[in-house]
Amino acid sequence: MLILGIETSCDETGIALHDSARGLLAHALHTQAAL
């Protein structure tokens, strides 16, 4: 089973794709905050 997780806040968005057999496949984080 594939699971897509999405988390958002006022200045960040995070996503992850998880496969129950293979584990974490991909993840990304986007932010507007200056680093």
N, C-alpha and C. Protein backbone atom coordinates (compact mmCIF):
# COMPACT_ATOMS: atom_id res chain seq x y z
N MET A 1 0.84 -1.17 0.00
CA MET A 1 0.00 0.00 0.00
C MET A 1 0.89 1.24 0.00
N LEU A 2 0.57 2.19 -0.84
CA LEU A 2 1.27 3.47 -0.87
C LEU A 2 0.51 4.49 -0.03
N ILE A 3 1.24 5.26 0.75
CA ILE A 3 0.64 6.30 1.57
C ILE A 3 1.34 7.62 1.25
N LEU A 4 0.55 8.63 0.94
CA LEU A 4 1.06 9.98 0.71
C LEU A 4 0.70 10.82 1.92
N GLY A 5 1.71 11.35 2.61
CA GLY A 5 1.49 12.23 3.76
C GLY A 5 1.80 13.66 3.37
N ILE A 6 0.91 14.57 3.77
CA ILE A 6 1.07 15.99 3.48
C ILE A 6 0.87 16.77 4.77
N GLU A 7 1.80 17.66 5.08
CA GLU A 7 1.71 18.51 6.27
C GLU A 7 1.95 19.94 5.84
N THR A 8 1.09 20.84 6.28
CA THR A 8 1.26 22.25 5.93
C THR A 8 1.14 23.12 7.17
N SER A 9 1.81 24.25 7.12
CA SER A 9 1.67 25.29 8.14
C SER A 9 1.67 26.62 7.39
N CYS A 10 1.76 27.70 8.11
CA CYS A 10 1.67 29.01 7.45
C CYS A 10 2.84 29.28 6.51
N ASP A 11 4.02 28.67 6.76
CA ASP A 11 5.16 28.96 5.90
C ASP A 11 5.94 27.72 5.44
N GLU A 12 5.45 26.53 5.76
CA GLU A 12 6.14 25.30 5.34
C GLU A 12 5.14 24.27 4.83
N THR A 13 5.59 23.45 3.89
CA THR A 13 4.82 22.32 3.40
C THR A 13 5.76 21.13 3.29
N GLY A 14 5.35 20.01 3.85
CA GLY A 14 6.15 18.79 3.77
C GLY A 14 5.31 17.67 3.19
N ILE A 15 5.95 16.80 2.39
CA ILE A 15 5.27 15.64 1.83
C ILE A 15 6.18 14.43 1.97
N ALA A 16 5.56 13.25 2.02
CA ALA A 16 6.31 12.01 2.07
C ALA A 16 5.50 10.92 1.39
N LEU A 17 6.20 10.01 0.73
CA LEU A 17 5.58 8.86 0.07
C LEU A 17 6.16 7.61 0.72
N HIS A 18 5.28 6.78 1.31
CA HIS A 18 5.70 5.60 2.06
C HIS A 18 5.04 4.36 1.47
N ASP A 19 5.82 3.32 1.24
CA ASP A 19 5.32 2.03 0.77
C ASP A 19 5.41 1.05 1.94
N SER A 20 4.33 0.32 2.22
CA SER A 20 4.32 -0.58 3.38
C SER A 20 5.35 -1.70 3.24
N ALA A 21 5.72 -2.07 2.03
CA ALA A 21 6.71 -3.13 1.83
C ALA A 21 8.14 -2.60 1.75
N ARG A 22 8.34 -1.42 1.17
CA ARG A 22 9.69 -0.91 0.91
C ARG A 22 10.10 0.24 1.83
N GLY A 23 9.18 0.79 2.59
CA GLY A 23 9.51 1.90 3.48
C GLY A 23 9.37 3.25 2.80
N LEU A 24 10.11 4.22 3.30
CA LEU A 24 10.06 5.58 2.78
C LEU A 24 10.64 5.63 1.37
N LEU A 25 9.86 6.14 0.43
CA LEU A 25 10.31 6.23 -0.96
C LEU A 25 10.83 7.62 -1.31
N ALA A 26 10.18 8.66 -0.77
CA ALA A 26 10.60 10.03 -1.08
C ALA A 26 10.02 10.97 -0.04
N HIS A 27 10.69 12.11 0.12
CA HIS A 27 10.16 13.16 1.00
C HIS A 27 10.71 14.49 0.54
N ALA A 28 9.98 15.56 0.85
CA ALA A 28 10.41 16.90 0.46
C ALA A 28 9.84 17.90 1.45
N LEU A 29 10.54 19.01 1.62
CA LEU A 29 10.10 20.09 2.48
C LEU A 29 10.34 21.40 1.74
N HIS A 30 9.32 22.25 1.73
CA HIS A 30 9.45 23.57 1.11
C HIS A 30 9.10 24.61 2.16
N THR A 31 9.93 25.63 2.28
CA THR A 31 9.68 26.68 3.26
C THR A 31 9.88 28.05 2.63
N GLN A 32 9.16 29.03 3.16
CA GLN A 32 9.33 30.41 2.73
C GLN A 32 10.28 31.16 3.66
N ALA A 33 10.63 30.56 4.78
CA ALA A 33 11.50 31.21 5.76
C ALA A 33 12.92 31.33 5.22
N ALA A 34 13.55 32.44 5.52
CA ALA A 34 14.95 32.63 5.13
C ALA A 34 15.83 31.70 5.97
N LEU A 35 16.74 31.00 5.32
CA LEU A 35 17.60 30.06 6.04
C LEU A 35 18.91 30.68 6.43
